[in-house]
Amino acid sequence: MITMPARKPRRSAAATRRTPLLLDRAALKRRLADDTYDVLVIGGGITGAYAVLDAASRGLRAALIEKDDFASGTSSKSSKMVHGGLRYIEQGNVNLVRHSLLERHRFRKNAPHLVHRLPFLFPILEKEGIFDARLAKGFEGLLWTYDLVGGWRIGKLHQRLTVPEVLAQAPTLRAENLRGGLMYFDARTDDARLVLTIVRTAAALGATILNGARAEGLLMQMGKVSGARVSADGDSFDIRARAVVNATGVWTDELDAKADDGHRPQVRPAKGVHIVVPWDKVRINCTVTVPIPGRARRATCTRWGNSVVLGTTDEDYQGSPDDVHCTREEMDFLLEGANTAFEGKLTPDDVVGSIGGLRPLVGGKEGATLDMRRDHHITVGRTGMVTVTGGKLTTSRHMGELVIDKVMTVLGRKAKSRTTDLPLLGGAGYDAEAVAASGGIAAHLGERFGTEARFVGDLIQDDPSLAEPIVAGLPYTRAEVVYAARAELARSVDDVLSRRMRARLFARDASAGAAGAVGAILGRELNLTEAEVERSVSEYLAAVRHEKSVLLEGAAA
């Protein structure tokens, strides 16, 4: 029997449910085709997710559609940091840091099961480091600024570490040039699960959400955007809405052009990549920031369970936004940076997973993307469509609030946002200490689903075989596949293994080995034909092969 930790009293009817929120694709498509909405959000990344949640929280009749899967673009391929951004202080953008740290605090309060405190370590090296002892003194001034403008809310101030204290956190750091370290505190999250939880919270408040629904065109009425023509699962239908939001990230210009023939491109994609290696190859207990030889950008090495995630870069990108992967060259210089900083020798054979994603920066074509500001931009076009671009994961809640403020002006209505203190599903009453103490499957589920873990636990109690792991070497259970199909709108093997679970990132080859079993469960749960299951499995295996060919063989991305 799975015993979940005791829950604290309810805080929000929207965020603490007595029964699981089950989502049925056929019913959602009928509702989208039949109803007229106050606002339709196009784009299911972090920005669109918080926009539809904000709209639903104000009592608007709201809908969100996503052409692929929730968070399948940039929002599942980020650095997974919920942070203020030390670099922005270096750029002089203190206001962005102050606001980001306030939003980080709100994330930790509203989604304590998904957003966790994370220590960051900067080694001080005599040479070949990010900074030497002389520069470290000036950098510590930045850390004091960081703490004072809001970093203190996380419960710890930055610390100066001795050499033994640094090596206690990162025992494989090369010690010959080590002179100490500086540690400060930020937070991390599973970005894809965070987005999924936000859209499901919106659905709990009455919003209609659907993935696999592409906006093929926009509906127009008297020169104004009035909805979208959509294709989903082979069906085509119109969604009528009084206001439309373009939250499609790096695809923003494509949708804006459908609303306005005279639209001029605004988005400048910046590519970031991460690779994953086994923890026992690096053995760090925090995030360690290291230099990449010959590059201005720092790399971060972050422990994630039994893995370490290495990233990221920030480079201009000219290719297709639908096929973005870490390349052999990018992997090699990340490995070079790690091998310069740590003892031992990481090789391409140690890389068990990788991701490549694009940030939708807004600005001119000159200068390095690294130096471009990360502020968001919200505009109302001449056809009335609200477009949001730029920004960052940490400030997504506030971006969603500002987007719906614009929508309210389009609608000529007034209502205040309620998301500042709105717990996400699974967050209300979550007790992190009790979950950690419970251990085993209960702890694993609690850290992914919060108080909603009891619904997955119920599946296991009804069928104990669902407690079995689905991916070799990872803690994900067969019950989580069932729950993904019934309650999380998972349609395919890729939806499950890449985003409902992060198996493709943390154990790419093992996830491929699990594709058939995942497909079989989805087939039973979604009443798929044998041919549909086989296609879903084959598409996933082909995607993994392509990812590996780009990474290891230098094939074109």
Protein backbone atom coordinates (compact mmCIF):
# COMPACT_ATOMS: atom_id res chain seq x y z
CA MET A 1 0.00 0.00 0.00
CA ILE A 2 1.29 3.50 -0.90
CA THR A 3 0.98 5.87 2.05
CA MET A 4 1.19 9.54 1.15
CA PRO A 5 2.33 12.16 3.68
CA ALA A 6 -0.36 13.91 5.68
CA ARG A 7 -1.67 17.09 4.06
CA LYS A 8 -2.12 20.48 5.60
CA PRO A 9 -5.56 22.18 5.50
CA ARG A 10 -6.94 23.21 2.12
CA ARG A 11 -5.97 26.66 0.86
CA SER A 12 -7.62 26.82 -2.55
CA ALA A 13 -10.55 24.96 -4.04
CA ALA A 14 -8.93 25.39 -7.45
CA ALA A 15 -5.57 23.97 -6.40
CA THR A 16 -6.52 21.14 -4.01
CA ARG A 17 -8.99 18.66 -5.52
CA ARG A 18 -10.82 15.75 -3.99
CA THR A 19 -10.91 13.87 -7.31
CA PRO A 20 -8.43 13.86 -10.18
CA LEU A 21 -8.90 16.36 -12.99
CA LEU A 22 -9.48 14.07 -15.97
CA LEU A 23 -9.18 15.58 -19.45
CA ASP A 24 -10.94 14.08 -22.48
CA ARG A 25 -9.73 15.20 -25.94
CA ALA A 26 -13.01 14.57 -27.74
CA ALA A 27 -14.98 16.61 -25.22
CA LEU A 28 -12.43 19.43 -25.31
CA LYS A 29 -12.58 19.63 -29.11
CA ARG A 30 -16.40 19.78 -29.04
CA ARG A 31 -16.27 22.58 -26.49
CA LEU A 32 -13.73 24.54 -28.51
CA ALA A 33 -15.86 24.27 -31.65
CA ASP A 34 -19.19 25.03 -29.96
CA ASP A 35 -18.36 27.84 -27.51
CA THR A 36 -17.40 31.48 -27.95
CA TYR A 37 -14.51 32.56 -25.74
CA ASP A 38 -13.51 35.86 -24.25
CA VAL A 39 -9.88 35.04 -25.04
CA LEU A 40 -8.06 32.40 -27.06
CA VAL A 41 -4.37 31.94 -26.26
CA ILE A 42 -2.29 30.39 -29.05
CA GLY A 43 0.91 28.78 -27.78
CA GLY A 44 1.34 26.29 -24.94
CA GLY A 45 4.70 27.29 -23.51
CA ILE A 46 5.25 28.89 -20.13
CA THR A 47 4.01 32.33 -21.24
CA GLY A 48 0.81 31.09 -22.85
CA ALA A 49 0.20 28.79 -19.90
CA TYR A 50 0.27 31.59 -17.36
CA ALA A 51 -1.77 33.85 -19.66
CA VAL A 52 -4.64 31.35 -19.85
CA LEU A 53 -4.42 30.72 -16.09
CA ASP A 54 -4.56 34.44 -15.39
CA ALA A 55 -7.56 34.82 -17.69
CA ALA A 56 -9.41 31.93 -16.05
CA SER A 57 -8.59 33.29 -12.59
CA ARG A 58 -10.32 36.57 -13.51
CA GLY A 59 -13.46 34.75 -14.59
CA LEU A 60 -12.93 35.06 -18.33
CA ARG A 61 -14.07 32.28 -20.63
CA ALA A 62 -10.60 31.24 -21.77
CA ALA A 63 -9.03 28.68 -24.10
CA LEU A 64 -5.51 27.67 -25.05
CA ILE A 65 -4.33 25.67 -28.05
CA GLU A 66 -0.84 24.33 -28.77
CA LYS A 67 0.21 22.93 -32.14
CA ASP A 68 2.43 20.20 -30.67
CA ASP A 69 2.56 19.48 -26.95
CA PHE A 70 2.57 21.73 -23.92
CA ALA A 71 6.15 22.98 -23.39
CA SER A 72 7.39 21.11 -26.46
CA GLY A 73 9.30 24.17 -27.68
CA THR A 74 11.52 26.42 -25.61
CA SER A 75 9.75 25.70 -22.32
CA SER A 76 10.99 22.11 -22.00
CA LYS A 77 14.51 22.97 -23.14
CA SER A 78 15.48 25.76 -20.77
CA SER A 79 18.22 25.74 -18.14
CA LYS A 80 15.41 24.86 -15.70
CA MET A 81 16.44 27.70 -13.41
CA VAL A 82 14.01 29.95 -11.56
CA HIS A 83 16.40 32.77 -10.84
CA GLY A 84 16.98 36.50 -10.70
CA GLY A 85 19.93 36.43 -13.07
CA LEU A 86 23.30 37.62 -11.83
CA ARG A 87 24.26 38.48 -15.39
CA TYR A 88 21.47 41.07 -15.52
CA ILE A 89 23.10 42.92 -12.60
CA GLU A 90 26.33 42.93 -14.58
CA GLN A 91 24.34 44.43 -17.48
CA GLY A 92 22.91 47.09 -15.16
CA ASN A 93 19.35 45.74 -15.28
CA VAL A 94 18.82 45.70 -11.50
CA ASN A 95 15.07 46.25 -11.80
CA LEU A 96 14.69 43.00 -13.78
CA VAL A 97 16.66 41.16 -11.09
CA ARG A 98 14.56 42.64 -8.28
CA HIS A 99 11.34 41.69 -10.02
CA SER A 100 12.62 38.24 -10.99
CA LEU A 101 13.56 37.46 -7.40
CA LEU A 102 10.09 38.48 -6.22
CA GLU A 103 8.55 36.17 -8.84
CA ARG A 104 10.94 33.40 -7.80
CA HIS A 105 9.57 33.73 -4.26
CA ARG A 106 6.00 33.50 -5.56
CA PHE A 107 6.84 30.38 -7.56
CA ARG A 108 8.31 28.72 -4.47
CA LYS A 109 5.17 29.61 -2.51
CA ASN A 110 2.62 28.61 -5.17
CA ALA A 111 4.43 25.53 -6.51
CA PRO A 112 6.60 24.24 -3.66
CA HIS A 113 6.52 20.72 -5.09
CA LEU A 114 8.05 21.87 -8.37
CA VAL A 115 10.38 24.77 -7.51
CA HIS A 116 13.25 23.90 -5.18
CA ARG A 117 16.13 25.86 -3.68
CA LEU A 118 19.47 25.22 -5.39
CA PRO A 119 22.97 26.33 -4.28
CA PHE A 120 25.26 27.81 -6.93
CA LEU A 121 29.03 27.60 -6.52
CA PHE A 122 31.60 29.85 -8.22
CA PRO A 123 35.12 28.45 -7.67
CA ILE A 124 37.82 31.09 -7.21
CA LEU A 125 40.86 30.00 -9.20
CA GLU A 126 44.33 31.41 -9.44
CA LYS A 127 44.15 31.12 -13.23
CA GLU A 128 41.89 29.78 -15.98
CA GLY A 129 38.75 30.41 -13.96
CA ILE A 130 35.80 32.73 -14.29
CA PHE A 131 37.59 35.10 -11.95
CA ASP A 132 40.65 35.13 -9.75
CA ALA A 133 40.88 36.20 -6.11
CA ARG A 134 41.15 39.88 -7.09
CA LEU A 135 38.05 39.84 -9.29
CA ALA A 136 36.20 37.71 -6.73
CA LYS A 137 36.07 40.65 -4.35
CA GLY A 138 34.22 42.73 -6.91
CA PHE A 139 31.96 39.80 -7.78
CA GLU A 140 31.03 39.41 -4.13
CA GLY A 141 29.70 42.95 -4.34
CA LEU A 142 27.30 41.74 -7.05
CA LEU A 143 26.21 38.93 -4.74
CA TRP A 144 25.48 41.42 -1.94
CA THR A 145 23.35 43.40 -4.40
CA TYR A 146 21.60 40.19 -5.41
CA ASP A 147 20.81 39.31 -1.81
CA LEU A 148 19.65 42.82 -0.93
CA VAL A 149 17.28 43.27 -3.88
CA GLY A 150 15.45 40.03 -3.11
CA GLY A 151 17.77 37.05 -2.92
CA TRP A 152 17.28 36.99 0.85
CA ARG A 153 13.73 35.69 0.39
CA ILE A 154 15.07 32.20 -0.32
CA GLY A 155 16.21 31.95 3.30
CA LYS A 156 20.00 32.03 2.79
CA LEU A 157 22.52 34.73 1.94
CA HIS A 158 25.59 34.13 -0.19
CA GLN A 159 28.64 32.61 1.46
CA ARG A 160 32.42 32.72 0.95
CA LEU A 161 33.85 29.18 1.05
CA THR A 162 37.30 27.87 1.91
CA VAL A 163 39.05 25.37 -0.34
CA PRO A 164 37.96 22.38 1.82
CA GLU A 165 34.37 23.68 1.81
CA VAL A 166 34.42 23.98 -1.98
CA LEU A 167 35.78 20.45 -2.36
CA ALA A 168 33.12 19.12 0.01
CA GLN A 169 30.51 20.34 -2.50
CA ALA A 170 32.50 19.40 -5.61
CA PRO A 171 35.19 16.83 -4.74
CA THR A 172 36.30 16.31 -8.35
CA LEU A 173 37.15 19.97 -8.98
CA ARG A 174 40.78 20.39 -9.96
CA ALA A 175 42.37 21.68 -6.76
CA GLU A 176 45.77 22.87 -7.99
CA ASN A 177 44.59 26.44 -8.78
CA LEU A 178 41.68 26.53 -6.32
CA ARG A 179 41.68 29.43 -3.86
CA GLY A 180 38.17 29.13 -2.42
CA GLY A 181 34.68 29.85 -3.69
CA LEU A 182 31.51 31.89 -3.51
CA MET A 183 28.10 30.27 -3.06
CA TYR A 184 24.70 31.85 -3.50
CA PHE A 185 21.20 30.41 -3.74
CA ASP A 186 18.57 30.28 -6.47
CA ALA A 187 15.98 27.70 -7.52
CA ARG A 188 15.34 25.11 -10.20
CA THR A 189 12.30 23.36 -11.66
CA ASP A 190 11.28 20.67 -14.11
CA ASP A 191 10.20 23.22 -16.72
CA ALA A 192 7.94 20.90 -18.74
CA ARG A 193 6.06 19.66 -15.68
CA LEU A 194 5.70 23.23 -14.44
CA VAL A 195 4.04 24.29 -17.70
CA LEU A 196 1.78 21.24 -17.65
CA THR A 197 0.75 22.00 -14.07
CA ILE A 198 -0.06 25.62 -14.92
CA VAL A 199 -2.33 24.70 -17.84
CA ARG A 200 -4.03 22.00 -15.78
CA THR A 201 -4.62 24.55 -13.02
CA ALA A 202 -6.26 26.77 -15.64
CA ALA A 203 -8.42 23.83 -16.69
CA ALA A 204 -9.44 23.30 -13.05
CA LEU A 205 -10.66 26.91 -13.10
CA GLY A 206 -12.74 26.32 -16.23
CA ALA A 207 -10.35 27.02 -19.11
CA THR A 208 -10.40 24.78 -22.19
CA ILE A 209 -6.91 23.55 -23.11
CA LEU A 210 -5.81 21.36 -26.00
CA ASN A 211 -2.47 20.22 -27.36
CA GLY A 212 -1.98 18.88 -30.87
CA ALA A 213 -4.19 21.72 -32.14
CA ARG A 214 -2.61 23.89 -34.82
CA ALA A 215 -3.88 27.35 -35.76
CA GLU A 216 -3.97 27.07 -39.55
CA GLY A 217 -5.37 30.56 -39.95
CA LEU A 218 -7.03 33.42 -38.10
CA LEU A 219 -10.69 34.37 -38.27
CA MET A 220 -11.38 38.02 -39.07
CA GLN A 221 -14.47 40.11 -38.44
CA MET A 222 -14.66 43.78 -39.43
CA GLY A 223 -10.89 43.94 -39.72
CA LYS A 224 -10.26 42.45 -36.28
CA VAL A 225 -9.01 38.99 -35.28
CA SER A 226 -11.97 37.02 -33.97
CA GLY A 227 -10.60 33.51 -33.48
CA ALA A 228 -8.70 30.80 -35.28
CA ARG A 229 -9.23 27.99 -37.76
CA VAL A 230 -7.76 24.89 -36.14
CA SER A 231 -6.74 21.38 -37.13
CA ALA A 232 -6.51 18.66 -34.47
CA ASP A 233 -6.42 14.87 -34.83
CA GLY A 234 -7.53 15.11 -38.46
CA ASP A 235 -10.48 17.35 -37.59
CA SER A 236 -10.86 21.01 -38.62
CA PHE A 237 -12.99 23.53 -36.77
CA ASP A 238 -13.21 27.19 -35.90
CA ILE A 239 -12.66 28.64 -32.43
CA ARG A 240 -14.49 31.93 -31.93
CA ALA A 241 -13.01 34.44 -29.49
CA ARG A 242 -13.42 38.12 -28.70
CA ALA A 243 -9.67 38.46 -28.17
CA VAL A 244 -6.69 36.40 -29.34
CA VAL A 245 -3.22 36.18 -27.79
CA ASN A 246 -0.12 35.20 -29.76
CA ALA A 247 2.20 33.47 -27.26
CA THR A 248 4.02 31.25 -29.75
CA GLY A 249 7.59 32.19 -28.83
CA VAL A 250 10.05 31.74 -31.68
CA TRP A 251 7.07 31.17 -34.02
CA THR A 252 5.61 34.62 -33.14
CA ASP A 253 6.39 36.30 -36.45
CA GLU A 254 4.71 33.49 -38.39
CA LEU A 255 1.40 33.99 -36.57
CA ASP A 256 1.65 37.79 -36.54
CA ALA A 257 2.02 37.71 -40.32
CA LYS A 258 -1.30 35.86 -40.57
CA ALA A 259 -2.95 38.73 -38.72
CA ASP A 260 -1.16 41.53 -40.57
CA ASP A 261 0.25 41.26 -44.10
CA GLY A 262 2.56 44.17 -43.35
CA HIS A 263 4.13 42.61 -40.27
CA ARG A 264 7.92 42.94 -40.03
CA PRO A 265 9.85 40.17 -38.21
CA GLN A 266 10.77 41.04 -34.61
CA VAL A 267 12.08 37.82 -33.04
CA ARG A 268 15.76 36.92 -32.97
CA PRO A 269 16.21 33.31 -31.83
CA ALA A 270 19.11 32.51 -29.52
CA LYS A 271 20.10 28.87 -29.19
CA GLY A 272 20.95 27.18 -25.92
CA VAL A 273 22.05 23.58 -25.43
CA HIS A 274 22.49 21.13 -22.55
CA ILE A 275 24.00 17.69 -22.29
CA VAL A 276 23.58 15.13 -19.49
CA VAL A 277 26.26 12.86 -18.01
CA PRO A 278 26.11 10.38 -15.10
CA TRP A 279 26.63 11.93 -11.67
CA ASP A 280 29.42 9.53 -10.74
CA LYS A 281 31.52 11.03 -13.55
CA VAL A 282 31.47 14.49 -11.93
CA ARG A 283 30.18 14.03 -8.35
CA ILE A 284 28.93 17.51 -7.48
CA ASN A 285 26.21 18.32 -4.95
CA CYS A 286 25.14 21.73 -6.27
CA THR A 287 25.43 23.83 -9.41
CA VAL A 288 29.04 24.65 -10.26
CA THR A 289 29.75 27.44 -12.72
CA VAL A 290 32.83 26.90 -14.89
CA PRO A 291 34.42 28.71 -17.86
CA ILE A 292 34.31 27.38 -21.40
CA PRO A 293 37.80 27.81 -22.87
CA GLY A 294 37.82 30.49 -25.55
CA ARG A 295 34.23 31.54 -24.88
CA ALA A 296 32.76 34.51 -23.03
CA ARG A 297 29.81 32.46 -21.78
CA ARG A 298 29.94 30.54 -18.50
CA ALA A 299 28.73 26.97 -18.31
CA THR A 300 26.72 25.49 -15.47
CA CYS A 301 27.01 21.94 -14.16
CA THR A 302 23.94 21.00 -12.13
CA ARG A 303 23.25 17.82 -10.22
CA TRP A 304 19.84 16.33 -10.99
CA GLY A 305 19.42 13.06 -9.10
CA ASN A 306 21.93 10.59 -10.50
CA SER A 307 22.77 12.87 -13.41
CA VAL A 308 24.57 16.14 -14.06
CA VAL A 309 23.26 18.63 -16.61
CA LEU A 310 25.89 20.70 -18.44
CA GLY A 311 24.94 23.87 -20.33
CA THR A 312 24.30 26.36 -21.78
CA THR A 313 25.34 28.43 -24.78
CA ASP A 314 23.68 31.53 -26.18
CA GLU A 315 24.28 31.82 -29.89
CA ASP A 316 22.44 33.21 -32.91
CA TYR A 317 20.37 30.57 -34.70
CA GLN A 318 19.36 30.59 -38.35
CA GLY A 319 17.87 27.12 -38.86
CA SER A 320 14.39 25.66 -38.52
CA PRO A 321 12.74 26.27 -35.13
CA ASP A 322 11.09 22.86 -35.48
CA ASP A 323 14.35 20.89 -35.51
CA VAL A 324 16.73 22.17 -32.84
CA HIS A 325 19.32 19.87 -31.27
CA CYS A 326 22.67 20.00 -29.55
CA THR A 327 25.37 19.50 -32.19
CA ARG A 328 28.67 17.64 -32.01
CA GLU A 329 30.59 20.93 -31.85
CA GLU A 330 28.42 22.25 -29.01
CA MET A 331 28.75 19.00 -27.08
CA ASP A 332 32.53 19.01 -27.54
CA PHE A 333 33.07 22.47 -26.09
CA LEU A 334 30.78 21.73 -23.13
CA LEU A 335 32.79 18.58 -22.46
CA GLU A 336 36.00 20.59 -22.86
CA GLY A 337 34.81 23.09 -20.26
CA ALA A 338 33.91 20.31 -17.82
CA ASN A 339 37.20 18.50 -18.40
CA THR A 340 39.12 21.72 -17.79
CA ALA A 341 37.38 22.26 -14.46
CA PHE A 342 37.04 18.69 -13.16
CA GLU A 343 39.34 15.73 -12.74
CA GLY A 344 38.72 12.68 -14.84
CA LYS A 345 37.87 12.66 -18.52
CA LEU A 346 34.35 13.00 -19.89
CA THR A 347 33.93 11.70 -23.44
CA PRO A 348 31.01 11.69 -25.91
CA ASP A 349 30.27 8.12 -24.79
CA ASP A 350 29.37 9.50 -21.35
CA VAL A 351 26.60 11.72 -22.71
CA VAL A 352 23.25 10.05 -21.97
CA GLY A 353 20.96 12.82 -23.20
CA SER A 354 20.85 16.27 -24.74
CA ILE A 355 18.51 19.13 -25.60
CA GLY A 356 18.67 22.21 -27.80
CA GLY A 357 16.21 25.07 -27.54
CA LEU A 358 15.61 28.63 -28.73
CA ARG A 359 14.92 31.78 -26.73
CA PRO A 360 12.66 34.27 -28.54
CA LEU A 361 14.67 37.43 -27.98
CA VAL A 362 13.36 40.71 -29.35
CA GLY A 363 15.71 43.31 -30.79
CA GLY A 364 18.02 44.22 -33.60
CA LYS A 365 20.29 41.94 -35.58
CA GLU A 366 23.51 43.52 -34.34
CA GLY A 367 25.56 42.45 -31.31
CA ALA A 368 25.79 39.18 -29.41
CA THR A 369 22.59 37.55 -28.16
CA LEU A 370 24.35 37.13 -24.82
CA ASP A 371 24.27 40.91 -24.36
CA MET A 372 20.62 41.37 -25.35
CA ARG A 373 18.13 42.26 -22.65
CA ARG A 374 15.60 39.65 -21.51
CA ASP A 375 12.67 42.03 -20.99
CA HIS A 376 9.30 40.99 -22.35
CA HIS A 377 7.38 42.90 -25.04
CA ILE A 378 3.58 43.01 -25.21
CA THR A 379 1.84 44.76 -28.11
CA VAL A 380 -1.64 45.07 -29.58
CA GLY A 381 -1.57 44.91 -33.37
CA ARG A 382 -3.77 46.87 -35.73
CA THR A 383 -6.08 43.84 -36.02
CA GLY A 384 -6.43 43.67 -32.25
CA MET A 385 -4.31 40.58 -31.60
CA VAL A 386 -2.24 40.74 -28.42
CA THR A 387 1.34 39.52 -28.99
CA VAL A 388 3.83 38.71 -26.24
CA THR A 389 7.50 38.00 -26.89
CA GLY A 390 10.75 37.85 -24.92
CA GLY A 391 10.87 37.49 -21.17
CA LYS A 392 11.98 34.48 -19.14
CA LEU A 393 10.54 31.54 -17.25
CA THR A 394 10.98 33.18 -13.85
CA THR A 395 8.78 36.16 -14.73
CA SER A 396 6.15 34.19 -16.65
CA ARG A 397 3.43 34.68 -14.04
CA HIS A 398 3.75 38.45 -14.26
CA MET A 399 3.96 38.30 -18.05
CA GLY A 400 0.69 36.38 -18.10
CA GLU A 401 -0.88 39.02 -15.86
CA LEU A 402 0.25 41.86 -18.14
CA VAL A 403 -0.93 40.01 -21.24
CA ILE A 404 -4.43 39.65 -19.83
CA ASP A 405 -4.36 43.29 -18.73
CA LYS A 406 -4.01 44.09 -22.45
CA VAL A 407 -6.77 41.62 -23.28
CA MET A 408 -9.07 43.39 -20.84
CA THR A 409 -8.51 46.66 -22.69
CA VAL A 410 -9.39 44.93 -25.97
CA LEU A 411 -12.56 43.54 -24.33
CA GLY A 412 -13.36 46.81 -22.60
CA ARG A 413 -13.67 45.03 -19.25
CA LYS A 414 -12.04 45.27 -15.84
CA ALA A 415 -11.01 42.52 -13.43
CA LYS A 416 -7.90 42.06 -11.32
CA SER A 417 -5.43 39.21 -11.65
CA ARG A 418 -5.56 36.57 -8.91
CA THR A 419 -2.42 34.56 -9.71
CA THR A 420 -0.04 36.27 -7.28
CA ASP A 421 -1.14 34.00 -4.44
CA LEU A 422 -2.84 31.23 -6.44
CA PRO A 423 -1.37 27.79 -5.68
CA LEU A 424 -0.85 25.53 -8.67
CA LEU A 425 -2.40 22.06 -8.64
CA GLY A 426 -0.61 19.94 -6.07
CA GLY A 427 0.90 22.95 -4.32
CA ALA A 428 -1.70 23.81 -1.69
CA GLY A 429 -0.87 22.05 1.56
CA TYR A 430 2.28 20.44 0.19
CA ASP A 431 4.75 19.53 2.95
CA ALA A 432 8.22 19.12 1.43
CA GLU A 433 9.79 17.74 4.62
CA ALA A 434 7.10 15.08 5.06
CA VAL A 435 7.41 14.04 1.41
CA ALA A 436 11.19 13.76 1.63
CA ALA A 437 10.91 11.72 4.83
CA SER A 438 8.40 9.31 3.28
CA GLY A 439 10.97 7.90 0.84
CA GLY A 440 10.40 5.43 -1.98
CA ILE A 441 7.61 5.76 -4.51
CA ALA A 442 5.68 8.18 -2.30
CA ALA A 443 8.59 10.64 -2.24
CA HIS A 444 9.13 10.28 -5.98
CA LEU A 445 5.46 10.95 -6.75
CA GLY A 446 5.18 13.75 -4.20
CA GLU A 447 8.06 15.68 -5.77
CA ARG A 448 6.40 15.46 -9.19
CA PHE A 449 2.70 15.80 -8.42
CA GLY A 450 2.57 17.43 -4.99
CA THR A 451 -0.62 16.64 -3.08
CA GLU A 452 -2.09 15.20 -6.31
CA ALA A 453 0.32 12.28 -5.93
CA ARG A 454 -2.46 10.51 -4.08
CA PHE A 455 -4.32 10.07 -7.38
CA VAL A 456 -1.35 8.23 -8.91
CA GLY A 457 -1.02 6.31 -5.66
CA ASP A 458 -4.66 5.24 -6.01
CA LEU A 459 -3.88 3.70 -9.39
CA ILE A 460 -1.09 1.66 -7.81
CA GLN A 461 -3.32 0.53 -4.95
CA ASP A 462 -5.90 -0.69 -7.49
CA ASP A 463 -3.25 -2.42 -9.60
CA PRO A 464 0.10 -3.03 -7.80
CA SER A 465 1.78 -3.94 -11.11
CA LEU A 466 1.62 -0.24 -12.00
CA ALA A 467 4.29 0.45 -9.37
CA GLU A 468 6.87 -1.20 -11.64
CA PRO A 469 9.42 1.14 -13.28
CA ILE A 470 8.73 1.91 -16.93
CA VAL A 471 12.27 3.06 -17.88
CA ALA A 472 15.31 1.07 -16.79
CA GLY A 473 17.39 2.95 -14.23
CA LEU A 474 14.82 5.71 -13.62
CA PRO A 475 12.12 5.93 -10.91
CA TYR A 476 9.15 6.62 -13.21
CA THR A 477 6.33 4.10 -12.80
CA ARG A 478 3.83 2.54 -15.17
CA ALA A 479 1.10 4.31 -13.17
CA GLU A 480 2.48 7.65 -14.31
CA VAL A 481 1.93 6.64 -17.94
CA VAL A 482 -1.68 5.77 -17.15
CA TYR A 483 -2.16 9.09 -15.36
CA ALA A 484 -0.52 10.98 -18.23
CA ALA A 485 -3.08 9.52 -20.63
CA ARG A 486 -6.11 10.07 -18.40
CA ALA A 487 -5.33 13.41 -16.76
CA GLU A 488 -2.48 15.11 -18.65
CA LEU A 489 -3.53 14.93 -22.32
CA ALA A 490 -0.56 12.79 -23.34
CA ARG A 491 -1.18 11.62 -26.92
CA SER A 492 2.06 9.93 -27.88
CA VAL A 493 5.13 8.09 -26.67
CA ASP A 494 7.09 11.32 -27.11
CA ASP A 495 4.63 13.28 -24.95
CA VAL A 496 5.20 10.80 -22.13
CA LEU A 497 8.92 10.10 -22.31
CA SER A 498 10.10 13.59 -23.28
CA ARG A 499 7.86 15.81 -21.13
CA ARG A 500 5.46 14.02 -18.73
CA MET A 501 8.64 12.22 -17.70
CA ARG A 502 12.12 13.52 -18.55
CA ALA A 503 13.40 10.10 -19.54
CA ARG A 504 14.61 11.17 -22.98
CA LEU A 505 16.81 13.83 -21.42
CA PHE A 506 18.22 11.79 -18.53
CA ALA A 507 18.42 8.34 -20.15
CA ARG A 508 17.93 8.64 -23.89
CA ASP A 509 18.77 5.05 -24.83
CA ALA A 510 16.85 3.53 -21.93
CA SER A 511 13.84 5.63 -22.87
CA ALA A 512 13.99 4.19 -26.39
CA GLY A 513 13.94 0.75 -24.82
CA ALA A 514 10.75 1.67 -22.96
CA ALA A 515 8.95 3.11 -25.99
CA GLY A 516 7.08 -0.11 -26.79
CA ALA A 517 5.77 -0.53 -23.23
CA VAL A 518 4.67 3.12 -23.09
CA GLY A 519 2.94 2.75 -26.45
CA ALA A 520 1.07 -0.34 -25.27
CA ILE A 521 -0.27 1.49 -22.20
CA LEU A 522 -1.32 4.50 -24.28
CA GLY A 523 -3.01 2.17 -26.74
CA ARG A 524 -5.18 0.68 -24.00
CA GLU A 525 -5.93 4.00 -22.31
CA LEU A 526 -6.68 5.99 -25.47
CA ASN A 527 -8.28 3.20 -27.51
CA LEU A 528 -5.61 3.49 -30.19
CA THR A 529 -5.39 1.03 -33.06
CA GLU A 530 -2.38 -1.23 -33.37
CA ALA A 531 -1.19 0.85 -36.32
CA GLU A 532 -1.48 4.08 -34.31
CA VAL A 533 0.54 2.61 -31.45
CA GLU A 534 3.18 1.33 -33.85
CA ARG A 535 3.42 4.75 -35.52
CA SER A 536 3.80 6.53 -32.15
CA VAL A 537 6.60 4.16 -31.11
CA SER A 538 8.32 4.39 -34.50
CA GLU A 539 8.19 8.18 -34.52
CA TYR A 540 9.77 8.32 -31.08
CA LEU A 541 12.55 5.92 -32.01
CA ALA A 542 13.22 7.88 -35.20
CA ALA A 543 13.40 11.14 -33.22
CA VAL A 544 15.91 9.61 -30.80
CA ARG A 545 18.03 8.31 -33.67
CA HIS A 546 18.02 11.74 -35.31
CA GLU A 547 18.98 13.46 -32.04
CA LYS A 548 21.90 11.06 -31.60
CA SER A 549 23.06 11.46 -35.19
CA VAL A 550 23.22 15.25 -34.81
CA LEU A 551 24.99 14.95 -31.47
CA LEU A 552 27.48 12.19 -32.13
CA GLU A 553 27.98 12.14 -35.89
CA GLY A 554 27.74 15.83 -36.71
CA ALA A 555 24.73 15.34 -38.99
CA ALA A 556 22.86 18.48 -40.00
CA ALA A 557 20.40 19.67 -37.35
